[in-house]
Amino acid sequence: MEILQKIALIFTIIGAVNWGLIGLFDFNLVTFLTGDMVTIRNLIYIIVGITGLVNIGIFFQHFDGE
């Protein structure tokens, strides 16, 4: 499960950076990288959304600091 959460965290960070770029510079990195490939763009948004939900599980875990 730890590997899944790390992968999910990477995608969530990518999504957060994209939203930051949109807010600061009105620049959508996903649209820039995918161009006219709407299906790929939507797939990226879906993956980022799902990984955000997976990361909700972090709130309910107890970390021992190990």
PDB file of N, CA and C in Angstrom:
ATOM      1  N   MET A   1       0.820  -1.199   0.000  1.00  0.00           N
ATOM      2  CA  MET A   1       0.000   0.000   0.000  1.00  0.00           C
ATOM      3  C   MET A   1       0.863   1.262   0.000  1.00  0.00           C
ATOM      4  N   GLU A   2       2.034   1.178   0.603  1.00  0.00           N
ATOM      5  CA  GLU A   2       2.904   2.345   0.682  1.00  0.00           C
ATOM      6  C   GLU A   2       3.341   2.806  -0.710  1.00  0.00           C
ATOM      7  N   ILE A   3       3.631   1.856  -1.604  1.00  0.00           N
ATOM      8  CA  ILE A   3       4.046   2.210  -2.967  1.00  0.00           C
ATOM      9  C   ILE A   3       2.906   2.904  -3.697  1.00  0.00           C
ATOM     10  N   LEU A   4       1.689   2.383  -3.545  1.00  0.00           N
ATOM     11  CA  LEU A   4       0.520   3.001  -4.184  1.00  0.00           C
ATOM     12  C   LEU A   4       0.332   4.431  -3.698  1.00  0.00           C
ATOM     13  N   GLN A   5       0.505   4.657  -2.408  1.00  0.00           N
ATOM     14  CA  GLN A   5       0.331   6.003  -1.871  1.00  0.00           C
ATOM     15  C   GLN A   5       1.419   6.948  -2.354  1.00  0.00           C
ATOM     16  N   LYS A   6       2.632   6.458  -2.528  1.00  0.00           N
ATOM     17  CA  LYS A   6       3.700   7.314  -3.051  1.00  0.00           C
ATOM     18  C   LYS A   6       3.435   7.689  -4.504  1.00  0.00           C
ATOM     19  N   ILE A   7       2.971   6.728  -5.297  1.00  0.00           N
ATOM     20  CA  ILE A   7       2.617   7.026  -6.686  1.00  0.00           C
ATOM     21  C   ILE A   7       1.462   8.013  -6.728  1.00  0.00           C
ATOM     22  N   ALA A   8       0.468   7.784  -5.868  1.00  0.00           N
ATOM     23  CA  ALA A   8      -0.671   8.695  -5.802  1.00  0.00           C
ATOM     24  C   ALA A   8      -0.230  10.090  -5.391  1.00  0.00           C
ATOM     25  N   LEU A   9       0.699  10.167  -4.464  1.00  0.00           N
ATOM     26  CA  LEU A   9       1.190  11.469  -4.015  1.00  0.00           C
ATOM     27  C   LEU A   9       1.894  12.210  -5.143  1.00  0.00           C
ATOM     28  N   ILE A  10       2.655  11.490  -5.963  1.00  0.00           N
ATOM     29  CA  ILE A  10       3.333  12.121  -7.099  1.00  0.00           C
ATOM     30  C   ILE A  10       2.314  12.732  -8.053  1.00  0.00           C
ATOM     31  N   PHE A  11       1.271  11.975  -8.385  1.00  0.00           N
ATOM     32  CA  PHE A  11       0.244  12.507  -9.284  1.00  0.00           C
ATOM     33  C   PHE A  11      -0.512  13.673  -8.652  1.00  0.00           C
ATOM     34  N   THR A  12      -0.738  13.608  -7.355  1.00  0.00           N
ATOM     35  CA  THR A  12      -1.425  14.701  -6.672  1.00  0.00           C
ATOM     36  C   THR A  12      -0.569  15.961  -6.694  1.00  0.00           C
ATOM     37  N   ILE A  13       0.731  15.814  -6.512  1.00  0.00           N
ATOM     38  CA  ILE A  13       1.639  16.960  -6.583  1.00  0.00           C
ATOM     39  C   ILE A  13       1.634  17.555  -7.981  1.00  0.00           C
ATOM     40  N   ILE A  14       1.652  16.701  -9.004  1.00  0.00           N
ATOM     41  CA  ILE A  14       1.571  17.189 -10.386  1.00  0.00           C
ATOM     42  C   ILE A  14       0.294  17.996 -10.580  1.00  0.00           C
ATOM     43  N   GLY A  15      -0.816  17.487 -10.062  1.00  0.00           N
ATOM     44  CA  GLY A  15      -2.081  18.213 -10.161  1.00  0.00           C
ATOM     45  C   GLY A  15      -2.038  19.545  -9.431  1.00  0.00           C
ATOM     46  N   ALA A  16      -1.407  19.557  -8.256  1.00  0.00           N
ATOM     47  CA  ALA A  16      -1.314  20.798  -7.495  1.00  0.00           C
ATOM     48  C   ALA A  16      -0.449  21.829  -8.215  1.00  0.00           C
ATOM     49  N   VAL A  17       0.661  21.372  -8.792  1.00  0.00           N
ATOM     50  CA  VAL A  17       1.518  22.281  -9.556  1.00  0.00           C
ATOM     51  C   VAL A  17       0.744  22.842 -10.750  1.00  0.00           C
ATOM     52  N   ASN A  18      -0.016  21.987 -11.418  1.00  0.00           N
ATOM     53  CA  ASN A  18      -0.803  22.450 -12.561  1.00  0.00           C
ATOM     54  C   ASN A  18      -1.807  23.520 -12.130  1.00  0.00           C
ATOM     55  N   TRP A  19      -2.503  23.286 -11.006  1.00  0.00           N
ATOM     56  CA  TRP A  19      -3.461  24.284 -10.527  1.00  0.00           C
ATOM     57  C   TRP A  19      -2.751  25.577 -10.125  1.00  0.00           C
ATOM     58  N   GLY A  20      -1.569  25.461  -9.559  1.00  0.00           N
ATOM     59  CA  GLY A  20      -0.798  26.659  -9.219  1.00  0.00           C
ATOM     60  C   GLY A  20      -0.432  27.461 -10.458  1.00  0.00           C
ATOM     61  N   LEU A  21      -0.022  26.758 -11.517  1.00  0.00           N
ATOM     62  CA  LEU A  21       0.307  27.440 -12.772  1.00  0.00           C
ATOM     63  C   LEU A  21      -0.927  28.107 -13.386  1.00  0.00           C
ATOM     64  N   ILE A  22      -2.064  27.437 -13.285  1.00  0.00           N
ATOM     65  CA  ILE A  22      -3.303  28.022 -13.804  1.00  0.00           C
ATOM     66  C   ILE A  22      -3.649  29.290 -13.022  1.00  0.00           C
ATOM     67  N   GLY A  23      -3.548  29.214 -11.698  1.00  0.00           N
ATOM     68  CA  GLY A  23      -3.890  30.360 -10.859  1.00  0.00           C
ATOM     69  C   GLY A  23      -2.940  31.533 -11.015  1.00  0.00           C
ATOM     70  N   LEU A  24      -1.659  31.234 -11.119  1.00  0.00           N
ATOM     71  CA  LEU A  24      -0.667  32.307 -11.183  1.00  0.00           C
ATOM     72  C   LEU A  24      -0.489  32.893 -12.577  1.00  0.00           C
ATOM     73  N   PHE A  25      -0.450  32.027 -13.572  1.00  0.00           N
ATOM     74  CA  PHE A  25      -0.075  32.475 -14.912  1.00  0.00           C
ATOM     75  C   PHE A  25      -1.109  32.170 -15.998  1.00  0.00           C
ATOM     76  N   ASP A  26      -2.268  31.612 -15.605  1.00  0.00           N
ATOM     77  CA  ASP A  26      -3.291  31.196 -16.566  1.00  0.00           C
ATOM     78  C   ASP A  26      -2.680  30.253 -17.613  1.00  0.00           C
ATOM     79  N   PHE A  27      -1.802  29.348 -17.130  1.00  0.00           N
ATOM     80  CA  PHE A  27      -1.114  28.394 -18.001  1.00  0.00           C
ATOM     81  C   PHE A  27      -1.436  26.982 -17.533  1.00  0.00           C
ATOM     82  N   ASN A  28      -2.089  26.196 -18.387  1.00  0.00           N
ATOM     83  CA  ASN A  28      -2.439  24.824 -18.060  1.00  0.00           C
ATOM     84  C   ASN A  28      -1.384  23.895 -18.652  1.00  0.00           C
ATOM     85  N   LEU A  29      -0.553  23.334 -17.798  1.00  0.00           N
ATOM     86  CA  LEU A  29       0.537  22.470 -18.228  1.00  0.00           C
ATOM     87  C   LEU A  29       0.020  21.209 -18.915  1.00  0.00           C
ATOM     88  N   VAL A  30      -1.062  20.636 -18.416  1.00  0.00           N
ATOM     89  CA  VAL A  30      -1.613  19.418 -19.010  1.00  0.00           C
ATOM     90  C   VAL A  30      -2.085  19.688 -20.429  1.00  0.00           C
ATOM     91  N   THR A  31      -2.789  20.780 -20.643  1.00  0.00           N
ATOM     92  CA  THR A  31      -3.234  21.142 -21.987  1.00  0.00           C
ATOM     93  C   THR A  31      -2.049  21.426 -22.888  1.00  0.00           C
ATOM     94  N   PHE A  32      -1.047  22.081 -22.360  1.00  0.00           N
ATOM     95  CA  PHE A  32       0.161  22.373 -23.135  1.00  0.00           C
ATOM     96  C   PHE A  32       0.847  21.089 -23.591  1.00  0.00           C
ATOM     97  N   LEU A  33       0.949  20.112 -22.687  1.00  0.00           N
ATOM     98  CA  LEU A  33       1.651  18.870 -23.008  1.00  0.00           C
ATOM     99  C   LEU A  33       0.836  17.938 -23.904  1.00  0.00           C
ATOM    100  N   THR A  34      -0.490  17.964 -23.771  1.00  0.00           N
ATOM    101  CA  THR A  34      -1.315  17.023 -24.534  1.00  0.00           C
ATOM    102  C   THR A  34      -1.864  17.611 -25.825  1.00  0.00           C
ATOM    103  N   GLY A  35      -1.868  18.930 -25.950  1.00  0.00           N
ATOM    104  CA  GLY A  35      -2.353  19.558 -27.184  1.00  0.00           C
ATOM    105  C   GLY A  35      -3.802  19.222 -27.466  1.00  0.00           C
ATOM    106  N   ASP A  36      -4.059  18.676 -28.651  1.00  0.00           N
ATOM    107  CA  ASP A  36      -5.430  18.369 -29.079  1.00  0.00           C
ATOM    108  C   ASP A  36      -5.896  16.991 -28.641  1.00  0.00           C
ATOM    109  N   MET A  37      -5.101  16.273 -27.876  1.00  0.00           N
ATOM    110  CA  MET A  37      -5.461  14.917 -27.448  1.00  0.00           C
ATOM    111  C   MET A  37      -6.365  14.988 -26.217  1.00  0.00           C
ATOM    112  N   VAL A  38      -7.638  15.255 -26.453  1.00  0.00           N
ATOM    113  CA  VAL A  38      -8.603  15.469 -25.369  1.00  0.00           C
ATOM    114  C   VAL A  38      -8.753  14.224 -24.505  1.00  0.00           C
ATOM    115  N   THR A  39      -8.744  13.056 -25.115  1.00  0.00           N
ATOM    116  CA  THR A  39      -8.901  11.821 -24.358  1.00  0.00           C
ATOM    117  C   THR A  39      -7.750  11.626 -23.378  1.00  0.00           C
ATOM    118  N   ILE A  40      -6.528  11.877 -23.826  1.00  0.00           N
ATOM    119  CA  ILE A  40      -5.359  11.761 -22.948  1.00  0.00           C
ATOM    120  C   ILE A  40      -5.442  12.793 -21.833  1.00  0.00           C
ATOM    121  N   ARG A  41      -5.833  14.013 -22.182  1.00  0.00           N
ATOM    122  CA  ARG A  41      -5.962  15.082 -21.182  1.00  0.00           C
ATOM    123  C   ARG A  41      -6.982  14.688 -20.116  1.00  0.00           C
ATOM    124  N   ASN A  42      -8.130  14.190 -20.543  1.00  0.00           N
ATOM    125  CA  ASN A  42      -9.155  13.781 -19.589  1.00  0.00           C
ATOM    126  C   ASN A  42      -8.684  12.611 -18.732  1.00  0.00           C
ATOM    127  N   LEU A  43      -7.934  11.694 -19.328  1.00  0.00           N
ATOM    128  CA  LEU A  43      -7.397  10.566 -18.576  1.00  0.00           C
ATOM    129  C   LEU A  43      -6.442  11.055 -17.486  1.00  0.00           C
ATOM    130  N   ILE A  44      -5.610  12.036 -17.799  1.00  0.00           N
ATOM    131  CA  ILE A  44      -4.699  12.602 -16.796  1.00  0.00           C
ATOM    132  C   ILE A  44      -5.492  13.236 -15.665  1.00  0.00           C
ATOM    133  N   TYR A  45      -6.541  13.998 -16.008  1.00  0.00           N
ATOM    134  CA  TYR A  45      -7.361  14.623 -14.967  1.00  0.00           C
ATOM    135  C   TYR A  45      -8.044  13.571 -14.098  1.00  0.00           C
ATOM    136  N   ILE A  46      -8.507  12.488 -14.710  1.00  0.00           N
ATOM    137  CA  ILE A  46      -9.156  11.414 -13.950  1.00  0.00           C
ATOM    138  C   ILE A  46      -8.159  10.754 -13.012  1.00  0.00           C
ATOM    139  N   ILE A  47      -6.944  10.477 -13.498  1.00  0.00           N
ATOM    140  CA  ILE A  47      -5.912   9.852 -12.661  1.00  0.00           C
ATOM    141  C   ILE A  47      -5.556  10.752 -11.484  1.00  0.00           C
ATOM    142  N   VAL A  48      -5.394  12.045 -11.748  1.00  0.00           N
ATOM    143  CA  VAL A  48      -5.073  12.983 -10.665  1.00  0.00           C
ATOM    144  C   VAL A  48      -6.211  13.022  -9.641  1.00  0.00           C
ATOM    145  N   GLY A  49      -7.444  13.016 -10.108  1.00  0.00           N
ATOM    146  CA  GLY A  49      -8.594  13.010  -9.194  1.00  0.00           C
ATOM    147  C   GLY A  49      -8.656  11.755  -8.340  1.00  0.00           C
ATOM    148  N   ILE A  50      -8.441  10.601  -8.962  1.00  0.00           N
ATOM    149  CA  ILE A  50      -8.461   9.335  -8.223  1.00  0.00           C
ATOM    150  C   ILE A  50      -7.323   9.289  -7.209  1.00  0.00           C
ATOM    151  N   THR A  51      -6.143   9.743  -7.619  1.00  0.00           N
ATOM    152  CA  THR A  51      -5.016   9.711  -6.688  1.00  0.00           C
ATOM    153  C   THR A  51      -5.220  10.677  -5.520  1.00  0.00           C
ATOM    154  N   GLY A  52      -5.927  11.766  -5.772  1.00  0.00           N
ATOM    155  CA  GLY A  52      -6.274  12.658  -4.664  1.00  0.00           C
ATOM    156  C   GLY A  52      -7.160  11.944  -3.654  1.00  0.00           C
ATOM    157  N   LEU A  53      -8.091  11.140  -4.141  1.00  0.00           N
ATOM    158  CA  LEU A  53      -8.957  10.368  -3.247  1.00  0.00           C
ATOM    159  C   LEU A  53      -8.162   9.297  -2.506  1.00  0.00           C
ATOM    160  N   VAL A  54      -7.219   8.662  -3.180  1.00  0.00           N
ATOM    161  CA  VAL A  54      -6.372   7.661  -2.524  1.00  0.00           C
ATOM    162  C   VAL A  54      -5.592   8.306  -1.382  1.00  0.00           C
ATOM    163  N   ASN A  55      -5.138   9.528  -1.593  1.00  0.00           N
ATOM    164  CA  ASN A  55      -4.345  10.215  -0.561  1.00  0.00           C
ATOM    165  C   ASN A  55      -5.165  10.609   0.651  1.00  0.00           C
ATOM    166  N   ILE A  56      -6.480  10.576   0.553  1.00  0.00           N
ATOM    167  CA  ILE A  56      -7.307  10.833   1.737  1.00  0.00           C
ATOM    168  C   ILE A  56      -6.988   9.808   2.821  1.00  0.00           C
ATOM    169  N   GLY A  57      -6.598   8.615   2.391  1.00  0.00           N
ATOM    170  CA  GLY A  57      -6.247   7.574   3.349  1.00  0.00           C
ATOM    171  C   GLY A  57      -5.106   7.948   4.263  1.00  0.00           C
ATOM    172  N   ILE A  58      -4.254   8.850   3.844  1.00  0.00           N
ATOM    173  CA  ILE A  58      -3.132   9.286   4.683  1.00  0.00           C
ATOM    174  C   ILE A  58      -3.642   9.929   5.974  1.00  0.00           C
ATOM    175  N   PHE A  59      -4.775  10.603   5.907  1.00  0.00           N
ATOM    176  CA  PHE A  59      -5.324  11.251   7.097  1.00  0.00           C
ATOM    177  C   PHE A  59      -5.705  10.252   8.175  1.00  0.00           C
ATOM    178  N   PHE A  60      -5.990   9.030   7.766  1.00  0.00           N
ATOM    179  CA  PHE A  60      -6.481   8.037   8.705  1.00  0.00           C
ATOM    180  C   PHE A  60      -5.413   7.029   9.131  1.00  0.00           C
ATOM    181  N   GLN A  61      -4.173   7.261   8.735  1.00  0.00           N
ATOM    182  CA  GLN A  61      -3.080   6.365   9.112  1.00  0.00           C
ATOM    183  C   GLN A  61      -2.322   6.940  10.294  1.00  0.00           C
ATOM    184  N   HIS A  62      -1.820   6.040  11.101  1.00  0.00           N
ATOM    185  CA  HIS A  62      -0.964   6.443  12.213  1.00  0.00           C
ATOM    186  C   HIS A  62       0.482   6.163  11.798  1.00  0.00           C
ATOM    187  N   PHE A  63       1.306   7.195  11.789  1.00  0.00           N
ATOM    188  CA  PHE A  63       2.699   7.034  11.428  1.00  0.00           C
ATOM    189  C   PHE A  63       3.532   6.966  12.694  1.00  0.00           C
ATOM    190  N   ASP A  64       4.359   5.932  12.794  1.00  0.00           N
ATOM    191  CA  ASP A  64       5.202   5.730  13.971  1.00  0.00           C
ATOM    192  C   ASP A  64       6.504   6.515  13.900  1.00  0.00           C
ATOM    193  N   GLY A  65       6.767   7.159  12.753  1.00  0.00           N
ATOM    194  CA  GLY A  65       7.989   7.902  12.615  1.00  0.00           C
ATOM    195  C   GLY A  65       9.179   7.039  12.263  1.00  0.00           C
ATOM    196  N   GLU A  66       8.935   5.828  11.828  1.00  0.00           N
ATOM    197  CA  GLU A  66      10.019   4.909  11.462  1.00  0.00           C
ATOM    198  C   GLU A  66      10.416   5.110  10.034  1.00  0.00           C
TER     199      GLU A  66
END
